[in-house]
Amino acid sequence: MAEGPLAASLAAIEAAARQELEAKHAAREQALVESRALVRLCANAIRAVHREEFDRAAEMLAEAQGISSRLAEALREHQDLYWAGYVQDAQKELVEACVTFRAVRGEPLPLPTELGVAAPAFLNGLGEAVGELRRYLLDRLRRGAIGGCEALLAIMDDIYSLLITLDYPDALTGGLRRTTDNVRGILERTRGELTLALSHHELQNALQQLAARLP
């Protein structure tokens, strides 16, 4: 066993390393808990939006934004953990939920600075919200609620038009190219289904008008 100055230096190294790693471990464990809570809240908020329980969805989104802010603050001194996949994925879920909520209500979409989310996670969350908007649109069509569907499709189209212009390496955007490709497929399918539904609706109206004029 080392003695003297060497032993003292090793002890100092151990103490410094242990202090740093204990702090990082505690931050990581807390970040995992907060990230899971954030994902869960956002998923429930999206479900509430689809049920049109907008007040409940707003409450959950406000709570989710608080968790996201706490996460960012807690990891201010641990940027390697902040940029870990699980934190970015959780923030992406927050963006998806907030965009879905505001889009179906016809409100301005949130900005990255408002949510405190960096561009890669924000843009991927924006893209993934298109899938939820498709689901909401199709639910309206099944209920025969045609009104507002074209406006939702226009929002989806605008999001795609934005994403397609951001042609940067995936290392910078967190795989945005793949998200954009998915958005294009969702948009094309939804446009076709909405066009068919509108044509069917117009035909029904025409037949009803014709029947009303017949003796």
C-alpha atoms as a PDB file:
ATOM      1  CA  MET A   1       0.000   0.000   0.000  1.00  0.00           C
ATOM      2  CA  ALA A   2       1.317   3.415  -0.944  1.00  0.00           C
ATOM      3  CA  GLU A   3       2.442   5.694   1.832  1.00  0.00           C
ATOM      4  CA  GLY A   4       3.383   9.300   2.280  1.00  0.00           C
ATOM      5  CA  PRO A   5       2.736  11.886  -0.452  1.00  0.00           C
ATOM      6  CA  LEU A   6       1.647   9.227  -2.973  1.00  0.00           C
ATOM      7  CA  ALA A   7      -1.001   7.871  -0.637  1.00  0.00           C
ATOM      8  CA  ALA A   8      -2.224  11.365   0.074  1.00  0.00           C
ATOM      9  CA  SER A   9      -2.521  12.159  -3.623  1.00  0.00           C
ATOM     10  CA  LEU A  10      -4.431   8.928  -4.316  1.00  0.00           C
ATOM     11  CA  ALA A  11      -6.787   9.668  -1.463  1.00  0.00           C
ATOM     12  CA  ALA A  12      -7.385  13.158  -2.860  1.00  0.00           C
ATOM     13  CA  ILE A  13      -8.032  11.707  -6.317  1.00  0.00           C
ATOM     14  CA  GLU A  14     -10.514   9.217  -4.890  1.00  0.00           C
ATOM     15  CA  ALA A  15     -12.313  11.890  -2.887  1.00  0.00           C
ATOM     16  CA  ALA A  16     -12.587  14.241  -5.868  1.00  0.00           C
ATOM     17  CA  ALA A  17     -13.747  11.488  -8.226  1.00  0.00           C
ATOM     18  CA  ARG A  18     -16.253  10.129  -5.717  1.00  0.00           C
ATOM     19  CA  GLN A  19     -17.707  13.583  -5.075  1.00  0.00           C
ATOM     20  CA  GLU A  20     -18.130  14.277  -8.777  1.00  0.00           C
ATOM     21  CA  LEU A  21     -19.559  10.864  -9.589  1.00  0.00           C
ATOM     22  CA  GLU A  22     -21.937  10.863  -6.622  1.00  0.00           C
ATOM     23  CA  ALA A  23     -23.312  14.225  -7.725  1.00  0.00           C
ATOM     24  CA  LYS A  24     -23.663  13.044 -11.324  1.00  0.00           C
ATOM     25  CA  HIS A  25     -25.268   9.769 -10.264  1.00  0.00           C
ATOM     26  CA  ALA A  26     -27.821  11.591  -8.122  1.00  0.00           C
ATOM     27  CA  ALA A  27     -28.563  14.004 -10.974  1.00  0.00           C
ATOM     28  CA  ARG A  28     -28.944  11.116 -13.421  1.00  0.00           C
ATOM     29  CA  GLU A  29     -31.335   9.191 -11.171  1.00  0.00           C
ATOM     30  CA  GLN A  30     -33.453  12.276 -10.640  1.00  0.00           C
ATOM     31  CA  ALA A  31     -33.419  13.081 -14.357  1.00  0.00           C
ATOM     32  CA  LEU A  32     -34.649   9.567 -15.157  1.00  0.00           C
ATOM     33  CA  VAL A  33     -37.545   9.942 -12.721  1.00  0.00           C
ATOM     34  CA  GLU A  34     -38.454  13.394 -14.039  1.00  0.00           C
ATOM     35  CA  SER A  35     -38.169  12.281 -17.668  1.00  0.00           C
ATOM     36  CA  ARG A  36     -40.530   9.360 -17.107  1.00  0.00           C
ATOM     37  CA  ALA A  37     -43.007  11.646 -15.372  1.00  0.00           C
ATOM     38  CA  LEU A  38     -42.771  14.126 -18.245  1.00  0.00           C
ATOM     39  CA  VAL A  39     -43.418  11.461 -20.882  1.00  0.00           C
ATOM     40  CA  ARG A  40     -46.370  10.098 -18.910  1.00  0.00           C
ATOM     41  CA  LEU A  41     -47.947  13.522 -18.455  1.00  0.00           C
ATOM     42  CA  CYS A  42     -47.567  14.398 -22.125  1.00  0.00           C
ATOM     43  CA  ALA A  43     -49.107  11.095 -23.237  1.00  0.00           C
ATOM     44  CA  ASN A  44     -52.081  11.703 -20.946  1.00  0.00           C
ATOM     45  CA  ALA A  45     -52.411  15.270 -22.198  1.00  0.00           C
ATOM     46  CA  ILE A  46     -52.567  14.037 -25.785  1.00  0.00           C
ATOM     47  CA  ARG A  47     -55.263  11.523 -24.812  1.00  0.00           C
ATOM     48  CA  ALA A  48     -57.217  14.353 -23.223  1.00  0.00           C
ATOM     49  CA  VAL A  49     -56.922  16.400 -26.421  1.00  0.00           C
ATOM     50  CA  HIS A  50     -58.351  13.532 -28.465  1.00  0.00           C
ATOM     51  CA  ARG A  51     -61.242  13.322 -26.016  1.00  0.00           C
ATOM     52  CA  GLU A  52     -61.558  17.110 -26.319  1.00  0.00           C
ATOM     53  CA  GLU A  53     -61.014  17.529 -22.584  1.00  0.00           C
ATOM     54  CA  PHE A  54     -59.063  20.692 -23.226  1.00  0.00           C
ATOM     55  CA  ASP A  55     -59.078  22.100 -19.698  1.00  0.00           C
ATOM     56  CA  ARG A  56     -57.622  18.867 -18.340  1.00  0.00           C
ATOM     57  CA  ALA A  57     -55.060  18.778 -21.141  1.00  0.00           C
ATOM     58  CA  ALA A  58     -54.018  22.367 -20.391  1.00  0.00           C
ATOM     59  CA  GLU A  59     -53.481  21.539 -16.716  1.00  0.00           C
ATOM     60  CA  MET A  60     -51.311  18.558 -17.529  1.00  0.00           C
ATOM     61  CA  LEU A  61     -49.280  20.507 -20.071  1.00  0.00           C
ATOM     62  CA  ALA A  62     -48.631  23.264 -17.534  1.00  0.00           C
ATOM     63  CA  GLU A  63     -47.383  20.641 -15.084  1.00  0.00           C
ATOM     64  CA  ALA A  64     -45.271  19.045 -17.811  1.00  0.00           C
ATOM     65  CA  GLN A  65     -43.643  22.373 -18.653  1.00  0.00           C
ATOM     66  CA  GLY A  66     -42.762  22.781 -14.990  1.00  0.00           C
ATOM     67  CA  ILE A  67     -41.078  19.390 -14.938  1.00  0.00           C
ATOM     68  CA  SER A  68     -39.149  20.201 -18.113  1.00  0.00           C
ATOM     69  CA  SER A  69     -37.934  23.470 -16.624  1.00  0.00           C
ATOM     70  CA  ARG A  70     -36.805  21.694 -13.457  1.00  0.00           C
ATOM     71  CA  LEU A  71     -34.966  19.140 -15.545  1.00  0.00           C
ATOM     72  CA  ALA A  72     -33.070  21.808 -17.448  1.00  0.00           C
ATOM     73  CA  GLU A  73     -32.149  23.627 -14.251  1.00  0.00           C
ATOM     74  CA  ALA A  74     -31.101  20.474 -12.389  1.00  0.00           C
ATOM     75  CA  LEU A  75     -28.828  19.439 -15.248  1.00  0.00           C
ATOM     76  CA  ARG A  76     -27.300  22.854 -15.826  1.00  0.00           C
ATOM     77  CA  GLU A  77     -24.018  21.583 -14.355  1.00  0.00           C
ATOM     78  CA  HIS A  78     -24.347  18.191 -16.059  1.00  0.00           C
ATOM     79  CA  GLN A  79     -24.738  18.984 -19.729  1.00  0.00           C
ATOM     80  CA  ASP A  80     -23.720  15.478 -20.751  1.00  0.00           C
ATOM     81  CA  LEU A  81     -26.804  14.183 -18.940  1.00  0.00           C
ATOM     82  CA  TYR A  82     -29.004  16.945 -20.331  1.00  0.00           C
ATOM     83  CA  TRP A  83     -28.110  15.901 -23.869  1.00  0.00           C
ATOM     84  CA  ALA A  84     -28.616  12.223 -23.078  1.00  0.00           C
ATOM     85  CA  GLY A  85     -31.270  10.526 -25.168  1.00  0.00           C
ATOM     86  CA  TYR A  86     -33.862  10.084 -22.443  1.00  0.00           C
ATOM     87  CA  VAL A  87     -34.003  13.792 -21.586  1.00  0.00           C
ATOM     88  CA  GLN A  88     -34.270  14.866 -25.217  1.00  0.00           C
ATOM     89  CA  ASP A  89     -36.921  12.226 -25.888  1.00  0.00           C
ATOM     90  CA  ALA A  90     -38.971  13.486 -22.952  1.00  0.00           C
ATOM     91  CA  GLN A  91     -38.724  17.079 -24.164  1.00  0.00           C
ATOM     92  CA  LYS A  92     -39.710  15.931 -27.644  1.00  0.00           C
ATOM     93  CA  GLU A  93     -42.882  14.474 -26.125  1.00  0.00           C
ATOM     94  CA  LEU A  94     -43.583  17.840 -24.501  1.00  0.00           C
ATOM     95  CA  VAL A  95     -43.326  19.599 -27.854  1.00  0.00           C
ATOM     96  CA  GLU A  96     -45.550  17.005 -29.521  1.00  0.00           C
ATOM     97  CA  ALA A  97     -48.230  17.405 -26.866  1.00  0.00           C
ATOM     98  CA  CYS A  98     -48.135  21.217 -26.856  1.00  0.00           C
ATOM     99  CA  VAL A  99     -48.225  21.459 -30.653  1.00  0.00           C
ATOM    100  CA  THR A 100     -51.128  18.999 -30.857  1.00  0.00           C
ATOM    101  CA  PHE A 101     -53.074  20.880 -28.196  1.00  0.00           C
ATOM    102  CA  ARG A 102     -52.649  24.283 -29.813  1.00  0.00           C
ATOM    103  CA  ALA A 103     -53.113  23.144 -33.396  1.00  0.00           C
ATOM    104  CA  VAL A 104     -56.474  21.488 -32.799  1.00  0.00           C
ATOM    105  CA  ARG A 105     -57.618  24.618 -30.984  1.00  0.00           C
ATOM    106  CA  GLY A 106     -56.424  26.914 -33.770  1.00  0.00           C
ATOM    107  CA  GLU A 107     -53.919  28.672 -31.511  1.00  0.00           C
ATOM    108  CA  PRO A 108     -50.392  29.832 -32.436  1.00  0.00           C
ATOM    109  CA  LEU A 109     -47.867  27.053 -32.025  1.00  0.00           C
ATOM    110  CA  PRO A 110     -45.324  27.272 -29.180  1.00  0.00           C
ATOM    111  CA  LEU A 111     -41.813  28.540 -29.855  1.00  0.00           C
ATOM    112  CA  PRO A 112     -38.664  26.671 -28.787  1.00  0.00           C
ATOM    113  CA  THR A 113     -37.834  29.504 -26.372  1.00  0.00           C
ATOM    114  CA  GLU A 114     -41.272  29.270 -24.759  1.00  0.00           C
ATOM    115  CA  LEU A 115     -40.831  25.583 -23.989  1.00  0.00           C
ATOM    116  CA  GLY A 116     -37.110  25.828 -23.294  1.00  0.00           C
ATOM    117  CA  VAL A 117     -36.365  23.005 -25.732  1.00  0.00           C
ATOM    118  CA  ALA A 118     -33.377  22.962 -28.084  1.00  0.00           C
ATOM    119  CA  ALA A 119     -33.947  22.881 -31.843  1.00  0.00           C
ATOM    120  CA  PRO A 120     -33.308  19.142 -32.504  1.00  0.00           C
ATOM    121  CA  ALA A 121     -35.826  17.891 -29.936  1.00  0.00           C
ATOM    122  CA  PHE A 122     -38.259  20.687 -30.776  1.00  0.00           C
ATOM    123  CA  LEU A 123     -38.270  20.004 -34.520  1.00  0.00           C
ATOM    124  CA  ASN A 124     -38.639  16.251 -34.093  1.00  0.00           C
ATOM    125  CA  GLY A 125     -41.490  16.816 -31.637  1.00  0.00           C
ATOM    126  CA  LEU A 126     -43.092  19.182 -34.135  1.00  0.00           C
ATOM    127  CA  GLY A 127     -42.879  16.499 -36.798  1.00  0.00           C
ATOM    128  CA  GLU A 128     -44.297  13.798 -34.557  1.00  0.00           C
ATOM    129  CA  ALA A 129     -47.264  16.011 -33.715  1.00  0.00           C
ATOM    130  CA  VAL A 130     -48.380  15.587 -37.331  1.00  0.00           C
ATOM    131  CA  GLY A 131     -49.267  11.967 -36.559  1.00  0.00           C
ATOM    132  CA  GLU A 132     -51.479  13.078 -33.669  1.00  0.00           C
ATOM    133  CA  LEU A 133     -53.129  15.707 -35.867  1.00  0.00           C
ATOM    134  CA  ARG A 134     -53.891  13.007 -38.418  1.00  0.00           C
ATOM    135  CA  ARG A 135     -55.490  10.901 -35.697  1.00  0.00           C
ATOM    136  CA  TYR A 136     -57.585  13.843 -34.506  1.00  0.00           C
ATOM    137  CA  LEU A 137     -58.628  14.662 -38.081  1.00  0.00           C
ATOM    138  CA  LEU A 138     -59.671  11.079 -38.806  1.00  0.00           C
ATOM    139  CA  ASP A 139     -61.667  10.932 -35.575  1.00  0.00           C
ATOM    140  CA  ARG A 140     -63.561  14.028 -36.732  1.00  0.00           C
ATOM    141  CA  LEU A 141     -64.232  12.458 -40.115  1.00  0.00           C
ATOM    142  CA  ARG A 142     -65.593   9.315 -38.477  1.00  0.00           C
ATOM    143  CA  ARG A 143     -67.994  11.484 -36.474  1.00  0.00           C
ATOM    144  CA  GLY A 144     -69.047  13.288 -39.634  1.00  0.00           C
ATOM    145  CA  ALA A 145     -67.521  16.539 -38.379  1.00  0.00           C
ATOM    146  CA  ILE A 146     -66.032  17.765 -41.645  1.00  0.00           C
ATOM    147  CA  GLY A 147     -65.625  21.356 -40.481  1.00  0.00           C
ATOM    148  CA  GLY A 148     -62.113  22.248 -39.456  1.00  0.00           C
ATOM    149  CA  CYS A 149     -60.507  19.234 -41.106  1.00  0.00           C
ATOM    150  CA  GLU A 150     -59.102  21.210 -44.029  1.00  0.00           C
ATOM    151  CA  ALA A 151     -57.577  23.697 -41.594  1.00  0.00           C
ATOM    152  CA  LEU A 152     -55.883  20.841 -39.719  1.00  0.00           C
ATOM    153  CA  LEU A 153     -54.531  19.446 -42.974  1.00  0.00           C
ATOM    154  CA  ALA A 154     -53.176  22.903 -43.826  1.00  0.00           C
ATOM    155  CA  ILE A 155     -51.307  23.005 -40.499  1.00  0.00           C
ATOM    156  CA  MET A 156     -49.839  19.565 -41.187  1.00  0.00           C
ATOM    157  CA  ASP A 157     -48.775  20.743 -44.632  1.00  0.00           C
ATOM    158  CA  ASP A 158     -47.183  23.891 -43.194  1.00  0.00           C
ATOM    159  CA  ILE A 159     -45.213  21.848 -40.670  1.00  0.00           C
ATOM    160  CA  TYR A 160     -43.907  19.607 -43.442  1.00  0.00           C
ATOM    161  CA  SER A 161     -43.010  22.639 -45.558  1.00  0.00           C
ATOM    162  CA  LEU A 162     -40.947  23.962 -42.653  1.00  0.00           C
ATOM    163  CA  LEU A 163     -39.186  20.697 -41.866  1.00  0.00           C
ATOM    164  CA  ILE A 164     -38.243  19.987 -45.477  1.00  0.00           C
ATOM    165  CA  THR A 165     -36.250  23.229 -45.641  1.00  0.00           C
ATOM    166  CA  LEU A 166     -33.995  22.261 -42.698  1.00  0.00           C
ATOM    167  CA  ASP A 167     -31.508  20.106 -44.557  1.00  0.00           C
ATOM    168  CA  TYR A 168     -28.734  19.636 -42.003  1.00  0.00           C
ATOM    169  CA  PRO A 169     -26.763  16.550 -40.982  1.00  0.00           C
ATOM    170  CA  ASP A 170     -28.633  14.136 -38.725  1.00  0.00           C
ATOM    171  CA  ALA A 171     -25.900  14.550 -36.125  1.00  0.00           C
ATOM    172  CA  LEU A 172     -27.103  18.137 -35.672  1.00  0.00           C
ATOM    173  CA  THR A 173     -30.840  17.567 -35.970  1.00  0.00           C
ATOM    174  CA  GLY A 174     -31.310  14.329 -34.043  1.00  0.00           C
ATOM    175  CA  GLY A 175     -32.467  12.353 -37.080  1.00  0.00           C
ATOM    176  CA  LEU A 176     -34.846  14.992 -38.400  1.00  0.00           C
ATOM    177  CA  ARG A 177     -34.606  13.681 -41.968  1.00  0.00           C
ATOM    178  CA  ARG A 178     -36.297  10.438 -40.974  1.00  0.00           C
ATOM    179  CA  THR A 179     -38.987  12.318 -39.054  1.00  0.00           C
ATOM    180  CA  THR A 180     -39.598  14.515 -42.107  1.00  0.00           C
ATOM    181  CA  ASP A 181     -39.932  11.470 -44.351  1.00  0.00           C
ATOM    182  CA  ASN A 182     -42.538  10.051 -41.959  1.00  0.00           C
ATOM    183  CA  VAL A 183     -44.395  13.369 -41.994  1.00  0.00           C
ATOM    184  CA  ARG A 184     -44.536  13.310 -45.800  1.00  0.00           C
ATOM    185  CA  GLY A 185     -46.100   9.843 -45.800  1.00  0.00           C
ATOM    186  CA  ILE A 186     -48.637  10.806 -43.124  1.00  0.00           C
ATOM    187  CA  LEU A 187     -49.522  13.984 -45.006  1.00  0.00           C
ATOM    188  CA  GLU A 188     -50.047  12.201 -48.326  1.00  0.00           C
ATOM    189  CA  ARG A 189     -52.305   9.548 -46.787  1.00  0.00           C
ATOM    190  CA  THR A 190     -54.318  12.098 -44.859  1.00  0.00           C
ATOM    191  CA  ARG A 191     -54.786  14.341 -47.893  1.00  0.00           C
ATOM    192  CA  GLY A 192     -56.117  11.401 -49.891  1.00  0.00           C
ATOM    193  CA  GLU A 193     -58.504  10.321 -47.128  1.00  0.00           C
ATOM    194  CA  LEU A 194     -59.780  13.840 -46.556  1.00  0.00           C
ATOM    195  CA  THR A 195     -60.298  14.411 -50.281  1.00  0.00           C
ATOM    196  CA  LEU A 196     -62.343  11.212 -50.470  1.00  0.00           C
ATOM    197  CA  ALA A 197     -64.378  12.174 -47.417  1.00  0.00           C
ATOM    198  CA  LEU A 198     -65.100  15.658 -48.785  1.00  0.00           C
ATOM    199  CA  SER A 199     -66.187  14.219 -52.127  1.00  0.00           C
ATOM    200  CA  HIS A 200     -68.496  11.788 -50.354  1.00  0.00           C
ATOM    201  CA  HIS A 201     -69.912  14.612 -48.256  1.00  0.00           C
ATOM    202  CA  GLU A 202     -70.559  16.771 -51.328  1.00  0.00           C
ATOM    203  CA  LEU A 203     -72.259  13.847 -53.063  1.00  0.00           C
ATOM    204  CA  GLN A 204     -74.502  13.271 -50.065  1.00  0.00           C
ATOM    205  CA  ASN A 205     -75.472  16.940 -50.007  1.00  0.00           C
ATOM    206  CA  ALA A 206     -76.234  16.903 -53.727  1.00  0.00           C
ATOM    207  CA  LEU A 207     -78.413  13.792 -53.362  1.00  0.00           C
ATOM    208  CA  GLN A 208     -80.278  15.350 -50.430  1.00  0.00           C
ATOM    209  CA  GLN A 209     -80.915  18.525 -52.424  1.00  0.00           C
ATOM    210  CA  LEU A 210     -82.130  16.485 -55.360  1.00  0.00           C
ATOM    211  CA  ALA A 211     -84.416  14.452 -53.143  1.00  0.00           C
ATOM    212  CA  ALA A 212     -85.848  17.637 -51.636  1.00  0.00           C
ATOM    213  CA  ARG A 213     -86.802  18.920 -55.104  1.00  0.00           C
ATOM    214  CA  LEU A 214     -88.533  15.732 -56.151  1.00  0.00           C
ATOM    215  CA  PRO A 215     -92.317  15.564 -55.748  1.00  0.00           C
END
